C-alpha atoms as a PDB file:
ATOM      1  CA  MET A   1       0.019   0.010   0.006  1.00  0.00           C
ATOM      2  CA  LYS A   2       1.351   3.417  -0.940  1.00  0.00           C
ATOM      3  CA  ASP A   3       2.322   5.874   1.799  1.00  0.00           C
ATOM      4  CA  ILE A   4       1.659   8.858  -0.448  1.00  0.00           C
ATOM      5  CA  ILE A   5      -0.928   9.425  -3.143  1.00  0.00           C
ATOM      6  CA  ASP A   6      -1.428  12.319  -5.452  1.00  0.00           C
ATOM      7  CA  VAL A   7      -4.998  13.294  -6.218  1.00  0.00           C
ATOM      8  CA  ARG A   8      -5.795  15.405  -9.282  1.00  0.00           C
ATOM      9  CA  GLY A   9      -8.622  17.940  -9.051  1.00  0.00           C
ATOM     10  CA  ALA A  10     -10.940  19.070 -11.825  1.00  0.00           C
ATOM     11  CA  SER A  11      -8.743  22.128 -12.312  1.00  0.00           C
ATOM     12  CA  GLY A  12      -5.711  19.906 -12.983  1.00  0.00           C
ATOM     13  CA  ALA A  13      -4.060  20.774  -9.655  1.00  0.00           C
ATOM     14  CA  VAL A  14      -2.490  17.855  -7.829  1.00  0.00           C
ATOM     15  CA  TYR A  15      -2.951  17.416  -4.086  1.00  0.00           C
ATOM     16  CA  ARG A  16      -0.564  15.111  -2.101  1.00  0.00           C
ATOM     17  CA  PHE A  17      -1.995  13.013   0.711  1.00  0.00           C
ATOM     18  CA  THR A  18      -0.144  10.910   3.285  1.00  0.00           C
ATOM     19  CA  ARG A  19      -1.486   7.625   4.505  1.00  0.00           C
ATOM     20  CA  PHE A  20      -2.610   7.427   8.143  1.00  0.00           C
ATOM     21  CA  ARG A  21      -0.970   4.520   9.865  1.00  0.00           C
ATOM     22  CA  ASP A  22      -2.346   2.815  12.995  1.00  0.00           C
ATOM     23  CA  GLY A  23      -0.340   3.837  15.955  1.00  0.00           C
ATOM     24  CA  ASN A  24       0.315   7.308  14.637  1.00  0.00           C
ATOM     25  CA  PRO A  25      -2.249   9.790  15.927  1.00  0.00           C
ATOM     26  CA  LEU A  26      -4.279  11.872  13.501  1.00  0.00           C
ATOM     27  CA  SER A  27      -3.639  15.559  13.816  1.00  0.00           C
ATOM     28  CA  ALA A  28      -6.153  17.735  15.613  1.00  0.00           C
ATOM     29  CA  MET A  29      -5.414  20.386  12.963  1.00  0.00           C
ATOM     30  CA  GLY A  30      -7.656  21.083   9.956  1.00  0.00           C
ATOM     31  CA  GLY A  31      -7.203  19.390   6.670  1.00  0.00           C
ATOM     32  CA  ASN A  32      -8.570  17.419   3.807  1.00  0.00           C
ATOM     33  CA  PHE A  33      -8.765  13.637   3.732  1.00  0.00           C
ATOM     34  CA  VAL A  34      -9.623  10.859   1.320  1.00  0.00           C
ATOM     35  CA  TYR A  35     -10.636   7.179   1.730  1.00  0.00           C
ATOM     36  CA  ALA A  36      -9.211   4.811  -0.888  1.00  0.00           C
ATOM     37  CA  ARG A  37      -9.345   1.191  -1.865  1.00  0.00           C
ATOM     38  CA  GLU A  38      -6.003  -0.115  -2.997  1.00  0.00           C
ATOM     39  CA  ASP A  39      -5.558  -3.416  -4.806  1.00  0.00           C
ATOM     40  CA  ALA A  40      -3.409  -4.925  -7.518  1.00  0.00           C
ATOM     41  CA  GLU A  41      -5.024  -2.595 -10.127  1.00  0.00           C
ATOM     42  CA  GLY A  42      -4.125   0.592  -8.140  1.00  0.00           C
ATOM     43  CA  SER A  43      -5.946   3.071  -5.995  1.00  0.00           C
ATOM     44  CA  THR A  44      -9.655   3.942  -6.247  1.00  0.00           C
ATOM     45  CA  LEU A  45     -10.907   6.954  -4.339  1.00  0.00           C
ATOM     46  CA  ILE A  46     -14.051   6.233  -2.362  1.00  0.00           C
ATOM     47  CA  TYR A  47     -14.655   9.504  -0.485  1.00  0.00           C
ATOM     48  CA  ALA A  48     -13.186  12.947  -0.041  1.00  0.00           C
ATOM     49  CA  GLY A  49     -13.830  15.213   2.904  1.00  0.00           C
ATOM     50  CA  GLU A  50     -12.459  18.178   4.843  1.00  0.00           C
ATOM     51  CA  ALA A  51     -12.487  18.853   8.525  1.00  0.00           C
ATOM     52  CA  GLN A  52     -11.558  21.531  10.998  1.00  0.00           C
ATOM     53  CA  ASN A  53     -10.188  18.699  13.163  1.00  0.00           C
ATOM     54  CA  LEU A  54      -8.794  15.667  11.347  1.00  0.00           C
ATOM     55  CA  LEU A  55      -8.617  13.734  14.643  1.00  0.00           C
ATOM     56  CA  THR A  56     -12.403  13.442  14.739  1.00  0.00           C
ATOM     57  CA  GLY A  57     -13.553  14.414  11.266  1.00  0.00           C
ATOM     58  CA  ALA A  58     -11.467  12.001   9.192  1.00  0.00           C
ATOM     59  CA  ARG A  59     -12.851   8.943  10.974  1.00  0.00           C
ATOM     60  CA  MET A  60     -16.537   9.869  10.951  1.00  0.00           C
ATOM     61  CA  LEU A  61     -17.486   7.737   7.888  1.00  0.00           C
ATOM     62  CA  TRP A  62     -14.517   5.348   7.945  1.00  0.00           C
ATOM     63  CA  ASP A  63     -16.453   2.267   9.160  1.00  0.00           C
ATOM     64  CA  GLU A  64     -19.066   2.793   6.453  1.00  0.00           C
ATOM     65  CA  ALA A  65     -16.306   3.140   3.817  1.00  0.00           C
ATOM     66  CA  VAL A  66     -14.735  -0.144   4.925  1.00  0.00           C
ATOM     67  CA  ARG A  67     -18.026  -2.003   5.161  1.00  0.00           C
ATOM     68  CA  ALA A  68     -19.672  -0.746   2.008  1.00  0.00           C
ATOM     69  CA  HIS A  69     -16.684  -0.050  -0.298  1.00  0.00           C
ATOM     70  CA  ALA A  70     -13.793  -2.147   1.073  1.00  0.00           C
ATOM     71  CA  ALA A  71     -11.737   1.025   1.810  1.00  0.00           C
ATOM     72  CA  ASN A  72      -8.327   0.154   3.173  1.00  0.00           C
ATOM     73  CA  GLY A  73      -6.490   3.505   3.082  1.00  0.00           C
ATOM     74  CA  LEU A  74      -7.166   6.732   4.935  1.00  0.00           C
ATOM     75  CA  TYR A  75      -5.033   9.630   3.607  1.00  0.00           C
ATOM     76  CA  THR A  76      -4.738  13.130   5.052  1.00  0.00           C
ATOM     77  CA  ARG A  77      -3.457  16.501   3.961  1.00  0.00           C
ATOM     78  CA  LEU A  78      -2.951  19.220   6.581  1.00  0.00           C
ATOM     79  CA  ASN A  79      -4.495  22.504   5.609  1.00  0.00           C
ATOM     80  CA  ILE A  80      -5.292  25.014   8.346  1.00  0.00           C
ATOM     81  CA  SER A  81      -7.098  27.558   6.140  1.00  0.00           C
ATOM     82  CA  GLU A  82     -10.800  26.714   5.968  1.00  0.00           C
ATOM     83  CA  GLY A  83     -11.252  28.532   2.627  1.00  0.00           C
ATOM     84  CA  VAL A  84      -8.375  26.703   0.990  1.00  0.00           C
ATOM     85  CA  ARG A  85      -9.614  23.378   2.362  1.00  0.00           C
ATOM     86  CA  GLN A  86     -13.064  23.970   0.935  1.00  0.00           C
ATOM     87  CA  ARG A  87     -11.710  24.990  -2.486  1.00  0.00           C
ATOM     88  CA  GLU A  88      -9.463  21.915  -2.645  1.00  0.00           C
ATOM     89  CA  HIS A  89     -12.316  19.682  -1.592  1.00  0.00           C
ATOM     90  CA  ALA A  90     -14.585  21.086  -4.313  1.00  0.00           C
ATOM     91  CA  ASP A  91     -11.804  20.682  -6.872  1.00  0.00           C
ATOM     92  CA  ILE A  92     -11.246  17.005  -5.870  1.00  0.00           C
ATOM     93  CA  THR A  93     -14.946  16.066  -5.807  1.00  0.00           C
ATOM     94  CA  GLY A  94     -15.478  17.939  -9.076  1.00  0.00           C
ATOM     95  CA  ALA A  95     -12.912  15.698 -10.836  1.00  0.00           C
ATOM     96  CA  ALA A  96     -14.753  12.426 -10.423  1.00  0.00           C
ATOM     97  CA  ALA A  97     -17.902  10.903  -8.923  1.00  0.00           C
ATOM     98  CA  LEU A  98     -16.740   9.396  -5.676  1.00  0.00           C
ATOM     99  CA  PRO A  99     -19.206   6.751  -4.431  1.00  0.00           C
ATOM    100  CA  MET A 100     -19.660   8.074  -0.914  1.00  0.00           C
ATOM    101  CA  ASN A 101     -19.811  11.721  -1.907  1.00  0.00           C
ATOM    102  CA  ALA A 102     -22.315  11.004  -4.652  1.00  0.00           C
ATOM    103  CA  SER A 103     -24.521   8.923  -2.311  1.00  0.00           C
ATOM    104  CA  GLY A 104     -25.368  12.003  -0.212  1.00  0.00           C
ATOM    105  CA  SER A 105     -22.979  11.211   2.665  1.00  0.00           C
ATOM    106  CA  ASP A 106     -21.963  14.360   4.492  1.00  0.00           C
ATOM    107  CA  ASP A 107     -18.734  15.464   2.846  1.00  0.00           C
ATOM    108  CA  LYS A 108     -17.430  17.526   5.768  1.00  0.00           C
ATOM    109  CA  GLY A 109     -16.024  16.413   9.049  1.00  0.00           C
ATOM    110  CA  VAL A 110     -16.365  18.175  12.379  1.00  0.00           C
END
């Protein structure tokens, strides 16, 4: 499983995310996050969100992503500025239909 993934937004901008590893605490800072399913064919994004506090926000829908979409990678990107986080989130979700974003799941953390 990759430790770093690059996610391309609708604008063409590339956003670098780092995999959360068990045993390493999530940051209480704001940021963007994505859930992915990685297999022999590569990475498939399942969900993209943004949160004022990654410690709580990035895990809100994780169990659903694992259960319903076989997600096995949680990736984060620190980003303190709420406006920048929201623009990046809109750019990422505008690039492709992500299953959990399209299903009406809340796309923002706490």
